C-alpha atoms as a PDB file:
ATOM      1  CA  UNK A   1     130.065 104.392  70.465  1.00  0.00           C
ATOM      2  CA  UNK A   2     126.931 102.801  71.425  1.00  0.00           C
ATOM      3  CA  UNK A   3     124.689 101.607  68.670  1.00  0.00           C
ATOM      4  CA  UNK A   4     121.193 103.124  69.547  1.00  0.00           C
ATOM      5  CA  UNK A   5     118.219 102.404  67.450  1.00  0.00           C
ATOM      6  CA  UNK A   6     114.942 104.490  67.361  1.00  0.00           C
ATOM      7  CA  UNK A   7     111.891 104.247  65.444  1.00  0.00           C
ATOM      8  CA  UNK A   8     112.117 104.906  61.807  1.00  0.00           C
ATOM      9  CA  UNK A   9     110.941 108.254  60.283  1.00  0.00           C
ATOM     10  CA  UNK A  10     108.062 106.477  58.536  1.00  0.00           C
ATOM     11  CA  UNK A  11     106.668 105.036  61.751  1.00  0.00           C
ATOM     12  CA  UNK A  12     106.980 108.412  63.599  1.00  0.00           C
ATOM     13  CA  UNK A  13     105.272 110.157  60.866  1.00  0.00           C
ATOM     14  CA  UNK A  14     102.359 107.733  60.941  1.00  0.00           C
ATOM     15  CA  UNK A  15     102.035 107.987  64.652  1.00  0.00           C
ATOM     16  CA  UNK A  16     101.856 111.844  64.486  1.00  0.00           C
ATOM     17  CA  UNK A  17      99.301 111.703  61.722  1.00  0.00           C
ATOM     18  CA  UNK A  18      97.100 109.309  63.733  1.00  0.00           C
ATOM     19  CA  UNK A  19      97.281 111.568  66.799  1.00  0.00           C
ATOM     20  CA  UNK A  20      96.522 114.723  64.828  1.00  0.00           C
ATOM     21  CA  UNK A  21      93.371 112.926  63.187  1.00  0.00           C
ATOM     22  CA  UNK A  22      92.213 111.739  66.715  1.00  0.00           C
ATOM     23  CA  UNK A  23      92.562 115.332  68.014  1.00  0.00           C
ATOM     24  CA  UNK A  24      90.667 116.732  65.068  1.00  0.00           C
ATOM     25  CA  UNK A  25      87.894 114.177  65.533  1.00  0.00           C
ATOM     26  CA  UNK A  26      87.553 114.994  69.249  1.00  0.00           C
ATOM     27  CA  UNK A  27      87.389 118.726  68.569  1.00  0.00           C
ATOM     28  CA  UNK A  28      84.750 118.225  65.810  1.00  0.00           C
ATOM     29  CA  UNK A  29      82.599 115.900  68.071  1.00  0.00           C
ATOM     30  CA  UNK A  30      82.757 118.650  70.829  1.00  0.00           C
ATOM     31  CA  UNK A  31      82.084 121.583  68.381  1.00  0.00           C
ATOM     32  CA  UNK A  32      79.104 120.050  66.828  1.00  0.00           C
ATOM     33  CA  UNK A  33      77.590 118.739  69.939  1.00  0.00           C
ATOM     34  CA  UNK A  34      77.842 122.262  71.285  1.00  0.00           C
ATOM     35  CA  UNK A  35      76.200 123.764  68.233  1.00  0.00           C
ATOM     36  CA  UNK A  36      73.418 121.233  68.437  1.00  0.00           C
ATOM     37  CA  UNK A  37      72.614 122.020  71.964  1.00  0.00           C
ATOM     38  CA  UNK A  38      72.490 125.766  71.236  1.00  0.00           C
ATOM     39  CA  UNK A  39      70.429 125.347  68.368  1.00  0.00           C
ATOM     40  CA  UNK A  40      67.460 124.202  70.512  1.00  0.00           C
ATOM     41  CA  UNK A  41      68.155 126.682  73.335  1.00  0.00           C
ATOM     42  CA  UNK A  42      66.390 129.830  72.196  1.00  0.00           C
ATOM     43  CA  UNK A  43      63.928 128.539  69.743  1.00  0.00           C
ATOM     44  CA  UNK A  44      60.888 130.431  71.186  1.00  0.00           C
ATOM     45  CA  UNK A  45      59.868 133.341  69.062  1.00  0.00           C
ATOM     46  CA  UNK A  46      57.243 136.087  69.347  1.00  0.00           C
ATOM     47  CA  UNK A  47      55.448 136.411  66.156  1.00  0.00           C
ATOM     48  CA  UNK A  48      53.238 139.396  66.973  1.00  0.00           C
ATOM     49  CA  UNK A  49      52.075 141.412  69.932  1.00  0.00           C
ATOM     50  CA  UNK A  50      49.025 143.524  70.825  1.00  0.00           C
ATOM     51  CA  UNK A  51      48.419 145.790  73.749  1.00  0.00           C
ATOM     52  CA  UNK A  52      44.794 146.644  74.531  1.00  0.00           C
ATOM     53  CA  UNK A  53      44.018 149.244  77.082  1.00  0.00           C
ATOM     54  CA  UNK A  54      40.744 148.988  78.974  1.00  0.00           C
ATOM     55  CA  UNK A  55      39.771 152.810  79.254  1.00  0.00           C
ATOM     56  CA  UNK A  56      37.100 152.191  82.095  1.00  0.00           C
ATOM     57  CA  UNK A  57      39.697 150.343  84.346  1.00  0.00           C
ATOM     58  CA  UNK A  58      43.005 151.389  83.037  1.00  0.00           C
ATOM     59  CA  UNK A  59      43.904 147.524  82.794  1.00  0.00           C
ATOM     60  CA  UNK A  60      46.624 146.871  80.004  1.00  0.00           C
ATOM     61  CA  UNK A  61      46.157 143.460  78.247  1.00  0.00           C
ATOM     62  CA  UNK A  62      49.265 142.229  76.448  1.00  0.00           C
ATOM     63  CA  UNK A  63      48.695 139.499  73.837  1.00  0.00           C
ATOM     64  CA  UNK A  64      51.739 137.593  72.743  1.00  0.00           C
ATOM     65  CA  UNK A  65      51.477 135.326  69.799  1.00  0.00           C
ATOM     66  CA  UNK A  66      54.372 132.928  70.303  1.00  0.00           C
ATOM     67  CA  UNK A  67      55.697 129.839  68.505  1.00  0.00           C
ATOM     68  CA  UNK A  68      58.110 127.076  69.582  1.00  0.00           C
ATOM     69  CA  UNK A  69      59.126 125.302  66.555  1.00  0.00           C
ATOM     70  CA  UNK A  70      61.936 123.345  68.279  1.00  0.00           C
ATOM     71  CA  UNK A  71      61.509 119.954  69.938  1.00  0.00           C
ATOM     72  CA  UNK A  72      62.194 121.085  73.551  1.00  0.00           C
ATOM     73  CA  UNK A  73      59.849 122.913  75.984  1.00  0.00           C
ATOM     74  CA  UNK A  74      60.768 126.580  76.501  1.00  0.00           C
ATOM     75  CA  UNK A  75      59.735 128.169  79.741  1.00  0.00           C
ATOM     76  CA  UNK A  76      58.842 131.873  80.023  1.00  0.00           C
ATOM     77  CA  UNK A  77      60.153 133.119  83.306  1.00  0.00           C
ATOM     78  CA  UNK A  78      58.769 136.642  83.096  1.00  0.00           C
ATOM     79  CA  UNK A  79      57.480 139.386  80.764  1.00  0.00           C
ATOM     80  CA  UNK A  80      58.005 143.028  81.287  1.00  0.00           C
ATOM     81  CA  UNK A  81      56.560 146.010  79.335  1.00  0.00           C
ATOM     82  CA  UNK A  82      58.157 149.338  79.508  1.00  0.00           C
ATOM     83  CA  UNK A  83      60.084 148.079  82.540  1.00  0.00           C
ATOM     84  CA  UNK A  84      56.801 147.075  84.342  1.00  0.00           C
ATOM     85  CA  UNK A  85      55.925 143.565  85.374  1.00  0.00           C
ATOM     86  CA  UNK A  86      53.253 141.535  83.542  1.00  0.00           C
ATOM     87  CA  UNK A  87      51.147 138.766  85.011  1.00  0.00           C
ATOM     88  CA  UNK A  88      50.087 135.692  83.100  1.00  0.00           C
ATOM     89  CA  UNK A  89      46.263 135.532  82.607  1.00  0.00           C
ATOM     90  CA  UNK A  90      45.680 132.760  80.273  1.00  0.00           C
ATOM     91  CA  UNK A  91      46.070 131.426  76.798  1.00  0.00           C
ATOM     92  CA  UNK A  92      44.182 130.785  73.558  1.00  0.00           C
ATOM     93  CA  UNK A  93      44.653 128.639  70.456  1.00  0.00           C
ATOM     94  CA  UNK A  94      43.095 131.513  68.336  1.00  0.00           C
ATOM     95  CA  UNK A  95      43.485 135.199  68.612  1.00  0.00           C
ATOM     96  CA  UNK A  96      41.340 136.604  71.532  1.00  0.00           C
ATOM     97  CA  UNK A  97      39.090 139.496  70.690  1.00  0.00           C
ATOM     98  CA  UNK A  98      39.734 142.798  72.474  1.00  0.00           C
ATOM     99  CA  UNK A  99      36.362 142.616  74.094  1.00  0.00           C
ATOM    100  CA  UNK A 100      36.879 139.048  75.146  1.00  0.00           C
ATOM    101  CA  UNK A 101      39.916 139.878  77.136  1.00  0.00           C
ATOM    102  CA  UNK A 102      37.867 141.773  79.816  1.00  0.00           C
ATOM    103  CA  UNK A 103      35.180 138.975  79.932  1.00  0.00           C
ATOM    104  CA  UNK A 104      37.634 136.312  81.462  1.00  0.00           C
ATOM    105  CA  UNK A 105      36.973 134.056  78.382  1.00  0.00           C
ATOM    106  CA  UNK A 106      40.671 132.749  78.404  1.00  0.00           C
ATOM    107  CA  UNK A 107      41.677 129.285  79.322  1.00  0.00           C
ATOM    108  CA  UNK A 108      44.082 128.870  82.131  1.00  0.00           C
ATOM    109  CA  UNK A 109      45.839 126.226  79.857  1.00  0.00           C
ATOM    110  CA  UNK A 110      45.685 125.016  76.316  1.00  0.00           C
ATOM    111  CA  UNK A 111      47.348 121.990  74.666  1.00  0.00           C
ATOM    112  CA  UNK A 112      51.116 122.776  74.672  1.00  0.00           C
ATOM    113  CA  UNK A 113      50.952 125.618  77.248  1.00  0.00           C
ATOM    114  CA  UNK A 114      51.482 124.863  80.851  1.00  0.00           C
ATOM    115  CA  UNK A 115      51.816 127.551  83.633  1.00  0.00           C
ATOM    116  CA  UNK A 116      53.904 126.150  86.543  1.00  0.00           C
ATOM    117  CA  UNK A 117      56.113 127.543  89.287  1.00  0.00           C
ATOM    118  CA  UNK A 118      55.689 131.184  88.188  1.00  0.00           C
ATOM    119  CA  UNK A 119      56.613 130.010  84.535  1.00  0.00           C
ATOM    120  CA  UNK A 120      54.737 129.340  81.299  1.00  0.00           C
ATOM    121  CA  UNK A 121      56.034 126.362  79.565  1.00  0.00           C
ATOM    122  CA  UNK A 122      55.591 126.114  75.713  1.00  0.00           C
ATOM    123  CA  UNK A 123      56.167 122.624  74.332  1.00  0.00           C
ATOM    124  CA  UNK A 124      57.884 122.080  71.089  1.00  0.00           C
ATOM    125  CA  UNK A 125      55.548 122.429  68.028  1.00  0.00           C
ATOM    126  CA  UNK A 126      53.061 124.856  69.858  1.00  0.00           C
ATOM    127  CA  UNK A 127      51.722 128.102  68.635  1.00  0.00           C
ATOM    128  CA  UNK A 128      49.531 130.036  71.098  1.00  0.00           C
ATOM    129  CA  UNK A 129      48.325 133.500  72.116  1.00  0.00           C
ATOM    130  CA  UNK A 130      49.435 134.219  75.688  1.00  0.00           C
ATOM    131  CA  UNK A 131      47.557 137.048  77.577  1.00  0.00           C
ATOM    132  CA  UNK A 132      49.228 139.063  80.148  1.00  0.00           C
ATOM    133  CA  UNK A 133      48.113 142.016  82.325  1.00  0.00           C
ATOM    134  CA  UNK A 134      50.771 144.612  82.800  1.00  0.00           C
ATOM    135  CA  UNK A 135      51.176 147.121  85.647  1.00  0.00           C
ATOM    136  CA  UNK A 136      51.814 150.733  84.734  1.00  0.00           C
ATOM    137  CA  UNK A 137      50.054 153.247  82.824  1.00  0.00           C
ATOM    138  CA  UNK A 138      49.764 153.172  78.968  1.00  0.00           C
ATOM    139  CA  UNK A 139      48.408 155.604  76.336  1.00  0.00           C
ATOM    140  CA  UNK A 140      46.733 154.355  73.110  1.00  0.00           C
ATOM    141  CA  UNK A 141      48.794 155.201  70.040  1.00  0.00           C
ATOM    142  CA  UNK A 142      52.149 155.083  71.839  1.00  0.00           C
ATOM    143  CA  UNK A 143      54.765 152.363  71.258  1.00  0.00           C
ATOM    144  CA  UNK A 144      56.273 150.521  74.260  1.00  0.00           C
ATOM    145  CA  UNK A 145      59.356 148.229  74.522  1.00  0.00           C
ATOM    146  CA  UNK A 146      58.941 144.855  76.164  1.00  0.00           C
ATOM    147  CA  UNK A 147      60.952 141.798  76.788  1.00  0.00           C
ATOM    148  CA  UNK A 148      60.106 137.982  77.278  1.00  0.00           C
ATOM    149  CA  UNK A 149      62.627 136.362  79.463  1.00  0.00           C
ATOM    150  CA  UNK A 150      63.203 132.586  79.088  1.00  0.00           C
ATOM    151  CA  UNK A 151      64.358 130.248  81.905  1.00  0.00           C
ATOM    152  CA  UNK A 152      67.307 129.433  79.739  1.00  0.00           C
ATOM    153  CA  UNK A 153      68.572 132.908  80.131  1.00  0.00           C
ATOM    154  CA  UNK A 154      67.709 134.095  76.726  1.00  0.00           C
ATOM    155  CA  UNK A 155      65.297 136.954  76.129  1.00  0.00           C
ATOM    156  CA  UNK A 156      63.191 138.223  73.259  1.00  0.00           C
ATOM    157  CA  UNK A 157      62.643 141.876  72.970  1.00  0.00           C
ATOM    158  CA  UNK A 158      59.596 143.322  71.169  1.00  0.00           C
ATOM    159  CA  UNK A 159      57.828 146.633  70.518  1.00  0.00           C
ATOM    160  CA  UNK A 160      54.046 147.200  70.745  1.00  0.00           C
ATOM    161  CA  UNK A 161      51.686 150.052  70.089  1.00  0.00           C
ATOM    162  CA  UNK A 162      48.818 150.410  72.735  1.00  0.00           C
ATOM    163  CA  UNK A 163      45.328 150.515  71.385  1.00  0.00           C
ATOM    164  CA  UNK A 164      41.974 151.266  73.170  1.00  0.00           C
ATOM    165  CA  UNK A 165      39.472 148.546  73.623  1.00  0.00           C
ATOM    166  CA  UNK A 166      36.458 149.776  71.770  1.00  0.00           C
END
């Protein structure tokens, strides 16, 4: 018989506990890092929407009141209404009047809103009214479904009721 010696049970137990703790810490760091990055991914929210129809021209003006309370810029890649494309026209720091939409009184940019490369960037901490014109035909008093598509891949659905510009 050969006399073999191994590590004691106490040392083996301590090594196993240390490895388990190290794995638990690594998993926790990964999981909390994943949650932290996703917490800022889709922070843009649409607070309210209005759809104004100019009966003389048939133009549909979609006004989106959006907020980005997060710390990172959110980019709106596109907006659709009832399956139709909407085109960015401008922004306002305060609610634009229905009559003001047709007069072209919107700013192409305001602080915190930057249109670039067919996208509209909303920096963190910004609240703004974004105005889009939408293709298609809309009837005052009827509700329509729309979607804001973010460059991050998220989307924000909304429903709006059309109203006539008086």
